[in-house]
Amino acid sequence: MSEIKLIAPALPNIPWEDMPEGCAAPMWRHSKNPIIRRNPLPDVARIFNSAVIPYRDGFVGVFRGEQCDGIPHIYLGRSADGLNWQFDEEKIKFTDKRGEPFQPVYAYDPRLIKVEDEYFAVWCQDMFGPTIGIAKTSDFTSFTRLENPMLPYNRNAVLFPRKIGGNYVMLSRPCDNGHTAFGDIFVSESPDMEFWGRHRHVMGRNGNWWENLKIGGGAAPIETDKGWLLFYHGVVNTCNGYVYSVGAAILDIDEPSRVLHRCSRYILTPEENYETTGFVPNVTFPCAALCDGETGRIALYYGCADTYVGVAYTTAERIYDYILKYDNASEEDKELGRR
């Protein structure tokens, strides 16, 4: 196996199951998936496309809760083991910088990232069209919303877990006002989480059949000594509708618009019944990854069929080897993403 080291603290209580005997895939599913099922709260029909992070002795998460009226909002959850979750029955109450209530009209597909000493939740919301919302917290008791970083239309915002060149860095996917039938990943920078610029192209759609319609960010990039390990989603349009799979790439550590390696094969695709059957069938949608810097273990959280939450496992060495084995990063991928 190729040597790769996660630049991350030890996480001895990371959810984990050993690889099944005879497994040839780059990832393997948790044996008791899905870990979150239908009707998890009285007013919430489904939780999916959600993000978790280590916090104190356990884990905390921001969860897309599809309410029974069909409107998505973000709910807070806590867990001792990362697998069994308890949720607040009320959606997160956001305030503005003055402490006044400031709720989004709707909010979905959140990510949760720690940068230095603060935690940031990012999601898609309405701002006269879909765009990116951000809030910060230090204690998961109060959440302060910040200015929207992008104009409409944009989705799939993912922050890097540390500053690069002194700036906050965020991936996003410009879109349209509908069920976007196109999309590439871009990167933007900010000195203060309010004013964003230096927008650059990271990756576009390519000849890989499973991601030839659109792509978008997934879990927060994981820092390694080989670059940023990125789990993202890729979409293909089939005669039976869209299929969402999980892909993987390695980005340059200092210039993340440069793609060093890009796996031509998906690393997870809808196969199990909880992934192929649900409110939106044939979806595996990554939103978070826990990692243990001591062992190289990685636990990926992903939405299943817009209905459930699942977990899959891999190691830094196994996924890096797979990316290198099936690497087909193009010359455009490897360029600095500016024109």
C-alpha atoms as a PDB file:
ATOM      1  CA  MET A   1       0.000   0.000   0.000  1.00  0.00           C
ATOM      2  CA  SER A   2       1.054   3.586  -0.645  1.00  0.00           C
ATOM      3  CA  GLU A   3       2.016   5.581   2.408  1.00  0.00           C
ATOM      4  CA  ILE A   4      -0.259   8.459   3.361  1.00  0.00           C
ATOM      5  CA  LYS A   5      -0.723  10.171   6.704  1.00  0.00           C
ATOM      6  CA  LEU A   6      -3.807  11.960   7.944  1.00  0.00           C
ATOM      7  CA  ILE A   7      -3.018  15.366   9.421  1.00  0.00           C
ATOM      8  CA  ALA A   8      -5.656  15.034  12.100  1.00  0.00           C
ATOM      9  CA  PRO A   9      -5.894  14.379  15.832  1.00  0.00           C
ATOM     10  CA  ALA A  10      -6.472  10.918  17.210  1.00  0.00           C
ATOM     11  CA  LEU A  11     -10.137   9.903  17.446  1.00  0.00           C
ATOM     12  CA  PRO A  12     -10.103   6.605  19.344  1.00  0.00           C
ATOM     13  CA  ASN A  13     -13.920   6.465  19.597  1.00  0.00           C
ATOM     14  CA  ILE A  14     -14.492   6.808  15.840  1.00  0.00           C
ATOM     15  CA  PRO A  15     -17.352   4.547  14.665  1.00  0.00           C
ATOM     16  CA  TRP A  16     -15.726   1.521  13.074  1.00  0.00           C
ATOM     17  CA  GLU A  17     -16.204  -1.990  11.720  1.00  0.00           C
ATOM     18  CA  ASP A  18     -13.395  -4.017  10.219  1.00  0.00           C
ATOM     19  CA  MET A  19     -13.455  -4.689   6.499  1.00  0.00           C
ATOM     20  CA  PRO A  20     -15.470  -7.804   5.651  1.00  0.00           C
ATOM     21  CA  GLU A  21     -13.460 -10.769   4.452  1.00  0.00           C
ATOM     22  CA  GLY A  22     -13.122 -10.801   0.681  1.00  0.00           C
ATOM     23  CA  CYS A  23     -14.153  -7.156   0.247  1.00  0.00           C
ATOM     24  CA  ALA A  24     -12.700  -5.732  -2.969  1.00  0.00           C
ATOM     25  CA  ALA A  25     -14.424  -2.334  -2.802  1.00  0.00           C
ATOM     26  CA  PRO A  26     -12.621   0.790  -1.590  1.00  0.00           C
ATOM     27  CA  MET A  27     -15.293   1.303   1.114  1.00  0.00           C
ATOM     28  CA  TRP A  28     -17.601  -0.980   3.050  1.00  0.00           C
ATOM     29  CA  ARG A  29     -20.959  -0.189   4.630  1.00  0.00           C
ATOM     30  CA  HIS A  30     -21.883  -0.245   8.282  1.00  0.00           C
ATOM     31  CA  SER A  31     -23.579  -3.575   8.905  1.00  0.00           C
ATOM     32  CA  LYS A  32     -26.627  -1.988  10.561  1.00  0.00           C
ATOM     33  CA  ASN A  33     -27.275   0.755   8.019  1.00  0.00           C
ATOM     34  CA  PRO A  34     -29.238   2.918   7.869  1.00  0.00           C
ATOM     35  CA  ILE A  35     -28.348   4.441  11.218  1.00  0.00           C
ATOM     36  CA  ILE A  36     -31.229   6.980  11.013  1.00  0.00           C
ATOM     37  CA  ARG A  37     -34.601   5.789   9.747  1.00  0.00           C
ATOM     38  CA  ARG A  38     -37.931   7.371   8.862  1.00  0.00           C
ATOM     39  CA  ASN A  39     -39.976   9.559  11.230  1.00  0.00           C
ATOM     40  CA  PRO A  40     -37.161  10.259  13.705  1.00  0.00           C
ATOM     41  CA  LEU A  41     -39.136  13.107  15.348  1.00  0.00           C
ATOM     42  CA  PRO A  42     -42.860  13.857  15.690  1.00  0.00           C
ATOM     43  CA  ASP A  43     -42.761  16.653  13.086  1.00  0.00           C
ATOM     44  CA  VAL A  44     -39.949  15.278  10.902  1.00  0.00           C
ATOM     45  CA  ALA A  45     -40.604  12.622   8.272  1.00  0.00           C
ATOM     46  CA  ARG A  46     -37.010  12.017   7.199  1.00  0.00           C
ATOM     47  CA  ILE A  47     -33.447  12.949   8.169  1.00  0.00           C
ATOM     48  CA  PHE A  48     -30.752  12.645   5.503  1.00  0.00           C
ATOM     49  CA  ASN A  49     -27.838  14.567   3.900  1.00  0.00           C
ATOM     50  CA  SER A  50     -26.471  15.572   7.300  1.00  0.00           C
ATOM     51  CA  ALA A  51     -23.095  16.271   8.924  1.00  0.00           C
ATOM     52  CA  VAL A  52     -21.401  15.264  12.180  1.00  0.00           C
ATOM     53  CA  ILE A  53     -18.226  16.217  14.020  1.00  0.00           C
ATOM     54  CA  PRO A  54     -16.396  15.153  17.209  1.00  0.00           C
ATOM     55  CA  TYR A  55     -17.373  17.256  20.217  1.00  0.00           C
ATOM     56  CA  ARG A  56     -16.191  16.789  23.799  1.00  0.00           C
ATOM     57  CA  ASP A  57     -16.397  13.058  24.584  1.00  0.00           C
ATOM     58  CA  GLY A  58     -18.870  12.244  21.819  1.00  0.00           C
ATOM     59  CA  PHE A  59     -20.290  13.689  18.634  1.00  0.00           C
ATOM     60  CA  VAL A  60     -22.624  16.449  17.554  1.00  0.00           C
ATOM     61  CA  GLY A  61     -24.342  16.980  14.221  1.00  0.00           C
ATOM     62  CA  VAL A  62     -26.499  19.252  12.098  1.00  0.00           C
ATOM     63  CA  PHE A  63     -29.210  17.303  10.324  1.00  0.00           C
ATOM     64  CA  ARG A  64     -31.470  17.967   7.377  1.00  0.00           C
ATOM     65  CA  GLY A  65     -34.912  17.379   8.782  1.00  0.00           C
ATOM     66  CA  GLU A  66     -37.615  17.143   6.150  1.00  0.00           C
ATOM     67  CA  GLN A  67     -40.662  18.305   8.083  1.00  0.00           C
ATOM     68  CA  CYS A  68     -44.065  16.725   7.604  1.00  0.00           C
ATOM     69  CA  ASP A  69     -45.155  19.872   5.729  1.00  0.00           C
ATOM     70  CA  GLY A  70     -42.374  19.219   3.192  1.00  0.00           C
ATOM     71  CA  ILE A  71     -40.192  22.176   4.228  1.00  0.00           C
ATOM     72  CA  PRO A  72     -36.583  21.268   5.205  1.00  0.00           C
ATOM     73  CA  HIS A  73     -34.856  22.806   8.217  1.00  0.00           C
ATOM     74  CA  ILE A  74     -31.762  22.047  10.267  1.00  0.00           C
ATOM     75  CA  TYR A  75     -31.957  20.116  13.535  1.00  0.00           C
ATOM     76  CA  LEU A  76     -29.275  19.500  16.144  1.00  0.00           C
ATOM     77  CA  GLY A  77     -28.334  15.982  17.210  1.00  0.00           C
ATOM     78  CA  ARG A  78     -25.980  14.453  19.764  1.00  0.00           C
ATOM     79  CA  SER A  79     -24.461  10.999  20.080  1.00  0.00           C
ATOM     80  CA  ALA A  80     -22.069   9.174  22.380  1.00  0.00           C
ATOM     81  CA  ASP A  81     -20.909   6.748  19.690  1.00  0.00           C
ATOM     82  CA  GLY A  82     -21.646   8.465  16.353  1.00  0.00           C
ATOM     83  CA  LEU A  83     -24.243   5.840  15.448  1.00  0.00           C
ATOM     84  CA  ASN A  84     -27.142   6.239  17.877  1.00  0.00           C
ATOM     85  CA  TRP A  85     -28.524   9.773  17.794  1.00  0.00           C
ATOM     86  CA  GLN A  86     -30.827  11.909  19.918  1.00  0.00           C
ATOM     87  CA  PHE A  87     -32.316  14.984  18.235  1.00  0.00           C
ATOM     88  CA  ASP A  88     -33.718  18.228  19.559  1.00  0.00           C
ATOM     89  CA  GLU A  89     -37.403  18.278  18.699  1.00  0.00           C
ATOM     90  CA  GLU A  90     -37.261  21.943  17.667  1.00  0.00           C
ATOM     91  CA  LYS A  91     -35.209  23.086  14.684  1.00  0.00           C
ATOM     92  CA  ILE A  92     -32.128  25.198  15.388  1.00  0.00           C
ATOM     93  CA  LYS A  93     -33.016  28.773  16.333  1.00  0.00           C
ATOM     94  CA  PHE A  94     -30.665  31.107  14.471  1.00  0.00           C
ATOM     95  CA  THR A  95     -30.013  34.732  15.400  1.00  0.00           C
ATOM     96  CA  ASP A  96     -28.251  37.600  13.666  1.00  0.00           C
ATOM     97  CA  LYS A  97     -25.198  39.393  15.075  1.00  0.00           C
ATOM     98  CA  ARG A  98     -27.443  41.534  17.294  1.00  0.00           C
ATOM     99  CA  GLY A  99     -29.041  38.475  18.845  1.00  0.00           C
ATOM    100  CA  GLU A 100     -32.351  38.942  17.044  1.00  0.00           C
ATOM    101  CA  PRO A 101     -34.179  35.898  15.583  1.00  0.00           C
ATOM    102  CA  PHE A 102     -33.075  35.251  12.001  1.00  0.00           C
ATOM    103  CA  GLN A 103     -34.525  32.038  10.636  1.00  0.00           C
ATOM    104  CA  PRO A 104     -33.986  30.916   7.031  1.00  0.00           C
ATOM    105  CA  VAL A 105     -37.109  30.310   4.943  1.00  0.00           C
ATOM    106  CA  TYR A 106     -35.813  26.794   4.401  1.00  0.00           C
ATOM    107  CA  ALA A 107     -32.443  25.115   4.938  1.00  0.00           C
ATOM    108  CA  TYR A 108     -31.049  21.813   3.709  1.00  0.00           C
ATOM    109  CA  ASP A 109     -27.934  19.685   3.106  1.00  0.00           C
ATOM    110  CA  PRO A 110     -25.869  21.144   5.969  1.00  0.00           C
ATOM    111  CA  ARG A 111     -22.185  20.609   6.593  1.00  0.00           C
ATOM    112  CA  LEU A 112     -20.445  21.155   9.925  1.00  0.00           C
ATOM    113  CA  ILE A 113     -16.776  22.123  10.108  1.00  0.00           C
ATOM    114  CA  LYS A 114     -14.461  23.240  12.898  1.00  0.00           C
ATOM    115  CA  VAL A 115     -12.023  25.987  11.874  1.00  0.00           C
ATOM    116  CA  GLU A 116      -9.620  27.001  14.620  1.00  0.00           C
ATOM    117  CA  ASP A 117     -11.780  27.474  17.751  1.00  0.00           C
ATOM    118  CA  GLU A 118     -15.170  27.938  16.092  1.00  0.00           C
ATOM    119  CA  TYR A 119     -17.701  25.649  14.474  1.00  0.00           C
ATOM    120  CA  PHE A 120     -19.396  26.650  11.233  1.00  0.00           C
ATOM    121  CA  ALA A 121     -22.554  25.199   9.761  1.00  0.00           C
ATOM    122  CA  VAL A 122     -23.088  25.816   6.048  1.00  0.00           C
ATOM    123  CA  TRP A 123     -26.176  24.872   4.069  1.00  0.00           C
ATOM    124  CA  CYS A 124     -28.390  25.752   1.115  1.00  0.00           C
ATOM    125  CA  GLN A 125     -31.183  28.247   1.745  1.00  0.00           C
ATOM    126  CA  ASP A 126     -33.441  30.757   0.031  1.00  0.00           C
ATOM    127  CA  MET A 127     -32.170  34.255  -0.725  1.00  0.00           C
ATOM    128  CA  PHE A 128     -34.534  35.049  -3.615  1.00  0.00           C
ATOM    129  CA  GLY A 129     -33.271  31.800  -5.084  1.00  0.00           C
ATOM    130  CA  PRO A 130     -31.123  28.992  -3.670  1.00  0.00           C
ATOM    131  CA  THR A 131     -27.805  30.092  -2.222  1.00  0.00           C
ATOM    132  CA  ILE A 132     -25.468  29.363   0.673  1.00  0.00           C
ATOM    133  CA  GLY A 133     -26.141  30.160   4.331  1.00  0.00           C
ATOM    134  CA  ILE A 134     -23.562  30.158   7.115  1.00  0.00           C
ATOM    135  CA  ALA A 135     -23.776  30.259  10.904  1.00  0.00           C
ATOM    136  CA  LYS A 136     -21.172  29.946  13.634  1.00  0.00           C
ATOM    137  CA  THR A 137     -21.273  28.561  17.148  1.00  0.00           C
ATOM    138  CA  SER A 138     -18.816  27.817  19.910  1.00  0.00           C
ATOM    139  CA  ASP A 139     -21.093  25.798  22.178  1.00  0.00           C
ATOM    140  CA  PHE A 140     -23.955  24.373  20.039  1.00  0.00           C
ATOM    141  CA  THR A 141     -26.367  26.320  22.215  1.00  0.00           C
ATOM    142  CA  SER A 142     -26.528  29.528  20.179  1.00  0.00           C
ATOM    143  CA  PHE A 143     -26.013  29.863  16.409  1.00  0.00           C
ATOM    144  CA  THR A 144     -25.242  33.229  14.824  1.00  0.00           C
ATOM    145  CA  ARG A 145     -25.953  33.562  11.111  1.00  0.00           C
ATOM    146  CA  LEU A 146     -23.371  35.372   8.994  1.00  0.00           C
ATOM    147  CA  GLU A 147     -23.776  37.158   5.678  1.00  0.00           C
ATOM    148  CA  ASN A 148     -24.513  34.955   2.674  1.00  0.00           C
ATOM    149  CA  PRO A 149     -21.185  34.347   0.901  1.00  0.00           C
ATOM    150  CA  MET A 150     -22.620  33.973  -2.614  1.00  0.00           C
ATOM    151  CA  LEU A 151     -25.373  35.424  -4.766  1.00  0.00           C
ATOM    152  CA  PRO A 152     -28.026  33.041  -6.040  1.00  0.00           C
ATOM    153  CA  TYR A 153     -27.681  30.516  -7.452  1.00  0.00           C
ATOM    154  CA  ASN A 154     -25.328  28.239  -5.544  1.00  0.00           C
ATOM    155  CA  ARG A 155     -25.368  24.999  -3.540  1.00  0.00           C
ATOM    156  CA  ASN A 156     -23.128  22.377  -1.930  1.00  0.00           C
ATOM    157  CA  ALA A 157     -20.961  24.670   0.206  1.00  0.00           C
ATOM    158  CA  VAL A 158     -18.123  22.962   2.085  1.00  0.00           C
ATOM    159  CA  LEU A 159     -15.523  24.747   4.212  1.00  0.00           C
ATOM    160  CA  PHE A 160     -11.945  23.562   4.521  1.00  0.00           C
ATOM    161  CA  PRO A 161     -11.074  22.703   8.144  1.00  0.00           C
ATOM    162  CA  ARG A 162      -8.272  25.258   8.337  1.00  0.00           C
ATOM    163  CA  LYS A 163      -7.243  28.512   6.710  1.00  0.00           C
ATOM    164  CA  ILE A 164      -5.031  28.382   3.626  1.00  0.00           C
ATOM    165  CA  GLY A 165      -2.706  31.326   3.071  1.00  0.00           C
ATOM    166  CA  GLY A 166      -4.407  33.130   5.944  1.00  0.00           C
ATOM    167  CA  ASN A 167      -7.902  32.901   4.411  1.00  0.00           C
ATOM    168  CA  TYR A 168     -10.977  30.806   4.989  1.00  0.00           C
ATOM    169  CA  VAL A 169     -11.586  28.572   1.971  1.00  0.00           C
ATOM    170  CA  MET A 170     -14.875  27.142   0.709  1.00  0.00           C
ATOM    171  CA  LEU A 171     -15.985  24.839  -2.083  1.00  0.00           C
ATOM    172  CA  SER A 172     -19.310  25.461  -3.820  1.00  0.00           C
ATOM    173  CA  ARG A 173     -21.282  24.484  -6.908  1.00  0.00           C
ATOM    174  CA  PRO A 174     -22.979  27.272  -8.915  1.00  0.00           C
ATOM    175  CA  CYS A 175     -26.401  26.154 -10.096  1.00  0.00           C
ATOM    176  CA  ASP A 176     -29.749  27.346 -11.422  1.00  0.00           C
ATOM    177  CA  ASN A 177     -33.125  27.801  -9.766  1.00  0.00           C
ATOM    178  CA  GLY A 178     -34.382  24.296 -10.498  1.00  0.00           C
ATOM    179  CA  HIS A 179     -33.155  20.724 -10.162  1.00  0.00           C
ATOM    180  CA  THR A 180     -29.818  21.698 -11.677  1.00  0.00           C
ATOM    181  CA  ALA A 181     -28.822  19.620 -14.698  1.00  0.00           C
ATOM    182  CA  PHE A 182     -25.218  20.855 -14.737  1.00  0.00           C
ATOM    183  CA  GLY A 183     -22.478  21.842 -12.322  1.00  0.00           C
ATOM    184  CA  ASP A 184     -18.760  22.029 -11.543  1.00  0.00           C
ATOM    185  CA  ILE A 185     -16.929  22.535  -8.244  1.00  0.00           C
ATOM    186  CA  PHE A 186     -15.387  25.959  -7.542  1.00  0.00           C
ATOM    187  CA  VAL A 187     -13.310  27.296  -4.641  1.00  0.00           C
ATOM    188  CA  SER A 188     -13.516  30.747  -3.024  1.00  0.00           C
ATOM    189  CA  GLU A 189     -11.589  32.538  -0.274  1.00  0.00           C
ATOM    190  CA  SER A 190     -12.397  35.039   2.470  1.00  0.00           C
ATOM    191  CA  PRO A 191     -10.328  36.915   5.062  1.00  0.00           C
ATOM    192  CA  ASP A 192     -13.271  37.263   7.448  1.00  0.00           C
ATOM    193  CA  MET A 193     -16.126  34.880   6.492  1.00  0.00           C
ATOM    194  CA  GLU A 194     -18.067  37.849   5.124  1.00  0.00           C
ATOM    195  CA  PHE A 195     -16.389  39.015   1.910  1.00  0.00           C
ATOM    196  CA  TRP A 196     -15.634  36.240  -0.557  1.00  0.00           C
ATOM    197  CA  GLY A 197     -13.567  36.291  -3.732  1.00  0.00           C
ATOM    198  CA  ARG A 198     -10.601  34.768  -5.584  1.00  0.00           C
ATOM    199  CA  HIS A 199     -13.057  32.329  -7.133  1.00  0.00           C
ATOM    200  CA  ARG A 200     -11.379  29.479  -8.994  1.00  0.00           C
ATOM    201  CA  HIS A 201     -12.470  26.355 -10.820  1.00  0.00           C
ATOM    202  CA  VAL A 202     -11.549  23.051  -9.174  1.00  0.00           C
ATOM    203  CA  MET A 203     -13.137  20.210 -11.142  1.00  0.00           C
ATOM    204  CA  GLY A 204     -15.619  19.861 -13.956  1.00  0.00           C
ATOM    205  CA  ARG A 205     -17.713  17.092 -15.389  1.00  0.00           C
ATOM    206  CA  ASN A 206     -15.731  14.638 -17.481  1.00  0.00           C
ATOM    207  CA  GLY A 207     -15.989  11.397 -19.392  1.00  0.00           C
ATOM    208  CA  ASN A 208     -16.552   9.265 -16.311  1.00  0.00           C
ATOM    209  CA  TRP A 209     -20.113   8.061 -16.906  1.00  0.00           C
ATOM    210  CA  TRP A 210     -21.200   8.168 -13.236  1.00  0.00           C
ATOM    211  CA  GLU A 211     -20.398  11.905 -12.903  1.00  0.00           C
ATOM    212  CA  ASN A 212     -20.979  13.277 -16.402  1.00  0.00           C
ATOM    213  CA  LEU A 213     -24.038  15.409 -15.516  1.00  0.00           C
ATOM    214  CA  LYS A 214     -22.868  17.367 -12.471  1.00  0.00           C
ATOM    215  CA  ILE A 215     -20.608  17.152  -9.448  1.00  0.00           C
ATOM    216  CA  GLY A 216     -20.549  18.865  -6.054  1.00  0.00           C
ATOM    217  CA  GLY A 217     -18.706  18.968  -2.772  1.00  0.00           C
ATOM    218  CA  GLY A 218     -19.370  16.387  -0.112  1.00  0.00           C
ATOM    219  CA  ALA A 219     -17.564  16.002   3.199  1.00  0.00           C
ATOM    220  CA  ALA A 220     -15.145  18.660   4.413  1.00  0.00           C
ATOM    221  CA  PRO A 221     -11.735  18.006   2.816  1.00  0.00           C
ATOM    222  CA  ILE A 222      -9.414  15.891   4.947  1.00  0.00           C
ATOM    223  CA  GLU A 223      -5.822  17.086   5.289  1.00  0.00           C
ATOM    224  CA  THR A 224      -3.118  14.543   4.503  1.00  0.00           C
ATOM    225  CA  ASP A 225       0.592  14.709   3.761  1.00  0.00           C
ATOM    226  CA  LYS A 226      -0.281  14.045   0.091  1.00  0.00           C
ATOM    227  CA  GLY A 227      -2.853  16.851  -0.250  1.00  0.00           C
ATOM    228  CA  TRP A 228      -6.522  17.369   0.588  1.00  0.00           C
ATOM    229  CA  LEU A 229      -8.582  14.172   0.372  1.00  0.00           C
ATOM    230  CA  LEU A 230     -11.962  15.160  -1.059  1.00  0.00           C
ATOM    231  CA  PHE A 231     -15.078  12.991  -1.043  1.00  0.00           C
ATOM    232  CA  TYR A 232     -17.616  14.498  -3.444  1.00  0.00           C
ATOM    233  CA  HIS A 233     -20.779  13.473  -5.265  1.00  0.00           C
ATOM    234  CA  GLY A 234     -21.195  12.834  -8.972  1.00  0.00           C
ATOM    235  CA  VAL A 235     -24.451  12.500 -10.883  1.00  0.00           C
ATOM    236  CA  VAL A 236     -25.452  10.702 -14.069  1.00  0.00           C
ATOM    237  CA  ASN A 237     -28.813  10.961 -15.823  1.00  0.00           C
ATOM    238  CA  THR A 238     -30.196   7.530 -16.683  1.00  0.00           C
ATOM    239  CA  CYS A 239     -33.408   6.355 -18.334  1.00  0.00           C
ATOM    240  CA  ASN A 240     -34.733   5.948 -14.778  1.00  0.00           C
ATOM    241  CA  GLY A 241     -33.605   9.366 -13.512  1.00  0.00           C
ATOM    242  CA  TYR A 242     -30.586  10.776 -11.706  1.00  0.00           C
ATOM    243  CA  VAL A 243     -28.126   8.509  -9.868  1.00  0.00           C
ATOM    244  CA  TYR A 244     -25.869  10.031  -7.185  1.00  0.00           C
ATOM    245  CA  SER A 245     -22.557   8.308  -6.435  1.00  0.00           C
ATOM    246  CA  VAL A 246     -19.564   9.180  -4.256  1.00  0.00           C
ATOM    247  CA  GLY A 247     -16.206  10.029  -5.805  1.00  0.00           C
ATOM    248  CA  ALA A 248     -12.762  10.856  -4.427  1.00  0.00           C
ATOM    249  CA  ALA A 249      -9.890  13.137  -5.394  1.00  0.00           C
ATOM    250  CA  ILE A 250      -6.701  14.651  -3.991  1.00  0.00           C
ATOM    251  CA  LEU A 251      -6.296  18.449  -4.145  1.00  0.00           C
ATOM    252  CA  ASP A 252      -3.096  20.456  -3.823  1.00  0.00           C
ATOM    253  CA  ILE A 253      -2.489  21.404  -0.201  1.00  0.00           C
ATOM    254  CA  ASP A 254      -1.709  25.084  -0.898  1.00  0.00           C
ATOM    255  CA  GLU A 255      -3.662  25.642  -4.143  1.00  0.00           C
ATOM    256  CA  PRO A 256      -6.793  23.483  -3.847  1.00  0.00           C
ATOM    257  CA  SER A 257      -8.009  24.521  -7.309  1.00  0.00           C
ATOM    258  CA  ARG A 258      -5.314  22.142  -8.583  1.00  0.00           C
ATOM    259  CA  VAL A 259      -6.424  18.504  -8.677  1.00  0.00           C
ATOM    260  CA  LEU A 260      -3.477  16.167  -8.203  1.00  0.00           C
ATOM    261  CA  HIS A 261      -5.381  12.886  -8.559  1.00  0.00           C
ATOM    262  CA  ARG A 262      -8.976  12.035  -9.437  1.00  0.00           C
ATOM    263  CA  CYS A 263     -10.492   8.584  -9.297  1.00  0.00           C
ATOM    264  CA  SER A 264     -12.190   7.542 -12.530  1.00  0.00           C
ATOM    265  CA  ARG A 265     -14.396   5.092 -10.629  1.00  0.00           C
ATOM    266  CA  TYR A 266     -16.999   5.829  -7.986  1.00  0.00           C
ATOM    267  CA  ILE A 267     -16.123   4.674  -4.485  1.00  0.00           C
ATOM    268  CA  LEU A 268     -19.745   4.200  -3.392  1.00  0.00           C
ATOM    269  CA  THR A 269     -22.901   3.983  -5.506  1.00  0.00           C
ATOM    270  CA  PRO A 270     -26.530   3.074  -4.749  1.00  0.00           C
ATOM    271  CA  GLU A 271     -26.737  -0.709  -4.361  1.00  0.00           C
ATOM    272  CA  GLU A 272     -28.503  -1.493  -1.088  1.00  0.00           C
ATOM    273  CA  ASN A 273     -32.283  -1.190  -0.854  1.00  0.00           C
ATOM    274  CA  TYR A 274     -32.095   1.807   1.506  1.00  0.00           C
ATOM    275  CA  GLU A 275     -30.020   3.591  -1.186  1.00  0.00           C
ATOM    276  CA  THR A 276     -32.011   2.548  -4.242  1.00  0.00           C
ATOM    277  CA  THR A 277     -35.493   2.881  -2.739  1.00  0.00           C
ATOM    278  CA  GLY A 278     -36.867   5.922  -0.926  1.00  0.00           C
ATOM    279  CA  PHE A 279     -38.261   9.400  -1.403  1.00  0.00           C
ATOM    280  CA  VAL A 280     -35.653  10.062  -4.119  1.00  0.00           C
ATOM    281  CA  PRO A 281     -34.278   6.694  -5.275  1.00  0.00           C
ATOM    282  CA  ASN A 282     -30.674   5.933  -6.206  1.00  0.00           C
ATOM    283  CA  VAL A 283     -28.847   8.454  -4.041  1.00  0.00           C
ATOM    284  CA  THR A 284     -25.643   8.165  -2.008  1.00  0.00           C
ATOM    285  CA  PHE A 285     -24.794  11.743  -0.957  1.00  0.00           C
ATOM    286  CA  PRO A 286     -21.709  12.361   1.254  1.00  0.00           C
ATOM    287  CA  CYS A 287     -21.840  15.171   3.822  1.00  0.00           C
ATOM    288  CA  ALA A 288     -19.293  14.361   6.554  1.00  0.00           C
ATOM    289  CA  ALA A 289     -16.271  12.246   7.350  1.00  0.00           C
ATOM    290  CA  LEU A 290     -14.757  11.423  10.713  1.00  0.00           C
ATOM    291  CA  CYS A 291     -11.097  10.426  10.729  1.00  0.00           C
ATOM    292  CA  ASP A 292      -8.599   9.077  13.230  1.00  0.00           C
ATOM    293  CA  GLY A 293      -5.117  10.476  12.706  1.00  0.00           C
ATOM    294  CA  GLU A 294      -3.620   7.649  14.742  1.00  0.00           C
ATOM    295  CA  THR A 295      -4.922   4.700  12.686  1.00  0.00           C
ATOM    296  CA  GLY A 296      -5.927   6.319   9.378  1.00  0.00           C
ATOM    297  CA  ARG A 297      -9.509   5.128   9.798  1.00  0.00           C
ATOM    298  CA  ILE A 298     -12.276   7.117   8.074  1.00  0.00           C
ATOM    299  CA  ALA A 299     -16.038   6.934   8.667  1.00  0.00           C
ATOM    300  CA  LEU A 300     -18.087   8.574   5.891  1.00  0.00           C
ATOM    301  CA  TYR A 301     -21.646   9.741   6.592  1.00  0.00           C
ATOM    302  CA  TYR A 302     -23.952   9.889   3.602  1.00  0.00           C
ATOM    303  CA  GLY A 303     -27.593  10.455   2.758  1.00  0.00           C
ATOM    304  CA  CYS A 304     -29.459   7.476   1.327  1.00  0.00           C
ATOM    305  CA  ALA A 305     -32.310   7.981  -1.181  1.00  0.00           C
ATOM    306  CA  ASP A 306     -33.243  11.326   0.467  1.00  0.00           C
ATOM    307  CA  THR A 307     -34.705   9.208   3.257  1.00  0.00           C
ATOM    308  CA  TYR A 308     -32.016   7.797   5.566  1.00  0.00           C
ATOM    309  CA  VAL A 309     -28.464   8.304   6.853  1.00  0.00           C
ATOM    310  CA  GLY A 310     -25.803   5.642   6.308  1.00  0.00           C
ATOM    311  CA  VAL A 311     -22.165   5.169   7.274  1.00  0.00           C
ATOM    312  CA  ALA A 312     -19.354   3.594   5.260  1.00  0.00           C
ATOM    313  CA  TYR A 313     -15.774   2.867   6.269  1.00  0.00           C
ATOM    314  CA  THR A 314     -12.347   2.980   4.684  1.00  0.00           C
ATOM    315  CA  THR A 315      -8.763   3.840   5.578  1.00  0.00           C
ATOM    316  CA  ALA A 316      -6.548   6.590   4.233  1.00  0.00           C
ATOM    317  CA  GLU A 317      -4.212   4.008   2.690  1.00  0.00           C
ATOM    318  CA  ARG A 318      -6.968   1.995   1.031  1.00  0.00           C
ATOM    319  CA  ILE A 319      -8.742   4.992  -0.521  1.00  0.00           C
ATOM    320  CA  TYR A 320      -5.473   6.636  -1.602  1.00  0.00           C
ATOM    321  CA  ASP A 321      -4.338   3.427  -3.315  1.00  0.00           C
ATOM    322  CA  TYR A 322      -7.692   3.204  -5.087  1.00  0.00           C
ATOM    323  CA  ILE A 323      -7.484   6.804  -6.283  1.00  0.00           C
ATOM    324  CA  LEU A 324      -3.965   6.279  -7.608  1.00  0.00           C
ATOM    325  CA  LYS A 325      -4.850   2.982  -9.280  1.00  0.00           C
ATOM    326  CA  TYR A 326      -7.736   4.528 -11.227  1.00  0.00           C
ATOM    327  CA  ASP A 327      -6.396   8.073 -11.501  1.00  0.00           C
ATOM    328  CA  ASN A 328      -7.478   9.948 -14.628  1.00  0.00           C
ATOM    329  CA  ALA A 329      -7.077  13.571 -13.582  1.00  0.00           C
ATOM    330  CA  SER A 330      -7.006  15.660 -16.763  1.00  0.00           C
ATOM    331  CA  GLU A 331      -4.643  18.481 -17.632  1.00  0.00           C
ATOM    332  CA  GLU A 332      -7.507  20.906 -16.986  1.00  0.00           C
ATOM    333  CA  ASP A 333      -8.011  19.374 -13.537  1.00  0.00           C
ATOM    334  CA  LYS A 334      -4.333  19.951 -12.732  1.00  0.00           C
ATOM    335  CA  GLU A 335      -4.295  23.589 -13.799  1.00  0.00           C
ATOM    336  CA  LEU A 336      -4.648  26.559 -11.479  1.00  0.00           C
ATOM    337  CA  GLY A 337      -8.353  27.191 -11.856  1.00  0.00           C
ATOM    338  CA  ARG A 338      -8.318  30.725 -13.225  1.00  0.00           C
ATOM    339  CA  ARG A 339      -8.786  32.136 -16.706  1.00  0.00           C
END
